[in-house]
Amino acid sequence: MTMTLLIRLLINTLAVLTGTYLLSGVRVDSVTTAVVVAIVLALVNTFVKPVLILLTLPITMMTLGLFLLVINACMILLVHKLVPGFEVQNFWWALAFSIVISIVGSFLSTIALA
């Protein structure tokens, strides 16, 4: 179990680093900061995101789930406020960053945890 947790942390850290490499509107000061971003993002997604999803369920259903992209971008912006050394220029960069880390994280998880 702890090995799987460490692998997921590594995958999420690599996804964060890849996102900052690909997107000029997102910056991480160091690898250590990327690890902290991955941890805080996991915590925010575990505790805050479900509440937001529940509160925005009607609009999420009306948009056929596309509003979840907005919620993901808001989670990135929240982490931006919480972690020093992690900067996101605006909402649109947060949206792009959330898409990139989702794709990279899914790809790496498929390879590493298969």
Protein backbone atom coordinates (compact mmCIF):
# COMPACT_ATOMS: atom_id res chain seq x y z
CA MET A 1 0.00 0.00 0.00
CA THR A 2 2.73 2.50 0.86
CA MET A 3 4.58 1.58 -2.33
CA THR A 4 1.46 2.36 -4.38
CA LEU A 5 1.11 5.67 -2.55
CA LEU A 6 4.72 6.57 -3.31
CA ILE A 7 4.27 5.60 -6.97
CA ARG A 8 1.17 7.80 -7.20
CA LEU A 9 3.06 10.68 -5.58
CA LEU A 10 5.88 10.25 -8.10
CA ILE A 11 3.39 10.12 -10.99
CA ASN A 12 1.60 13.26 -9.80
CA THR A 13 4.91 15.06 -9.31
CA LEU A 14 6.00 14.13 -12.83
CA ALA A 15 2.63 15.33 -14.14
CA VAL A 16 3.08 18.68 -12.36
CA LEU A 17 6.61 19.04 -13.73
CA THR A 18 5.43 18.15 -17.24
CA GLY A 19 2.63 20.70 -17.00
CA THR A 20 5.01 23.44 -15.94
CA TYR A 21 7.39 22.49 -18.77
CA LEU A 22 4.65 22.62 -21.42
CA LEU A 23 2.76 25.71 -20.20
CA SER A 24 4.45 29.08 -19.92
CA GLY A 25 1.71 30.44 -17.63
CA VAL A 26 2.52 27.97 -14.84
CA ARG A 27 5.74 28.03 -12.82
CA VAL A 28 7.19 25.80 -10.10
CA ASP A 29 10.37 26.91 -8.34
CA SER A 30 11.87 23.45 -7.73
CA VAL A 31 11.25 19.72 -7.72
CA THR A 32 10.56 19.95 -3.99
CA THR A 33 7.85 22.51 -4.69
CA ALA A 34 6.40 20.17 -7.33
CA VAL A 35 6.21 17.40 -4.72
CA VAL A 36 4.44 19.77 -2.31
CA VAL A 37 2.05 20.83 -5.10
CA ALA A 38 1.27 17.17 -5.83
CA ILE A 39 0.57 16.48 -2.13
CA VAL A 40 -1.54 19.60 -1.57
CA LEU A 41 -3.45 18.99 -4.81
CA ALA A 42 -4.21 15.44 -3.69
CA LEU A 43 -5.46 16.71 -0.32
CA VAL A 44 -7.57 19.46 -1.91
CA ASN A 45 -9.03 16.98 -4.39
CA THR A 46 -9.83 14.60 -1.54
CA PHE A 47 -11.47 17.04 0.87
CA VAL A 48 -12.61 20.20 -0.97
CA LYS A 49 -13.48 19.00 -4.46
CA PRO A 50 -16.29 16.59 -3.40
CA VAL A 51 -18.03 19.43 -1.54
CA LEU A 52 -17.80 21.70 -4.60
CA ILE A 53 -19.08 18.95 -6.86
CA LEU A 54 -22.06 18.42 -4.58
CA LEU A 55 -22.81 22.16 -4.40
CA THR A 56 -22.57 22.59 -8.17
CA LEU A 57 -24.36 19.38 -9.15
CA PRO A 58 -27.22 21.09 -11.04
CA ILE A 59 -24.90 23.14 -13.27
CA THR A 60 -22.63 20.13 -13.73
CA MET A 61 -25.58 18.08 -14.93
CA MET A 62 -26.78 20.89 -17.22
CA THR A 63 -23.34 21.11 -18.85
CA LEU A 64 -23.06 17.32 -19.08
CA GLY A 65 -20.05 17.30 -16.76
CA LEU A 66 -18.06 20.04 -18.47
CA PHE A 67 -18.35 22.23 -15.37
CA LEU A 68 -16.00 19.75 -13.69
CA LEU A 69 -13.23 21.35 -15.75
CA VAL A 70 -14.02 24.66 -14.04
CA ILE A 71 -13.91 22.95 -10.64
CA ASN A 72 -10.53 21.41 -11.50
CA ALA A 73 -9.17 24.82 -12.49
CA CYS A 74 -10.45 26.26 -9.21
CA MET A 75 -8.62 23.51 -7.32
CA ILE A 76 -5.40 24.47 -9.14
CA LEU A 77 -5.94 28.13 -8.23
CA LEU A 78 -6.53 27.16 -4.59
CA VAL A 79 -3.26 25.22 -4.55
CA HIS A 80 -1.60 28.27 -6.15
CA LYS A 81 -2.73 30.33 -3.15
CA LEU A 82 -1.58 27.70 -0.63
CA VAL A 83 1.86 26.70 -1.95
CA PRO A 84 4.63 29.30 -2.17
CA GLY A 85 6.79 28.82 -5.24
CA PHE A 86 3.86 27.62 -7.36
CA GLU A 87 2.43 30.26 -9.66
CA VAL A 88 -0.43 30.17 -12.13
CA GLN A 89 -1.04 33.35 -14.15
CA ASN A 90 -4.83 33.13 -14.50
CA PHE A 91 -7.88 30.89 -14.71
CA TRP A 92 -7.19 29.81 -18.30
CA TRP A 93 -3.67 28.64 -17.48
CA ALA A 94 -5.12 26.77 -14.48
CA LEU A 95 -7.64 25.11 -16.78
CA ALA A 96 -4.94 24.10 -19.27
CA PHE A 97 -2.70 22.90 -16.42
CA SER A 98 -5.48 20.74 -14.97
CA ILE A 99 -6.06 19.14 -18.38
CA VAL A 100 -2.33 18.48 -18.91
CA ILE A 101 -1.77 16.94 -15.48
CA SER A 102 -4.89 14.80 -15.89
CA ILE A 103 -3.71 13.44 -19.23
CA VAL A 104 -0.10 12.92 -18.14
CA GLY A 105 -1.15 11.42 -14.80
CA SER A 106 -3.55 8.99 -16.48
CA PHE A 107 -0.93 7.97 -19.03
CA LEU A 108 1.77 7.39 -16.41
CA SER A 109 -0.64 5.56 -14.09
CA THR A 110 -1.59 3.21 -16.91
CA ILE A 111 2.06 2.39 -17.50
CA ALA A 112 3.24 2.20 -13.88
CA LEU A 113 0.27 0.57 -12.18
CA ALA A 114 -0.80 -1.85 -14.88
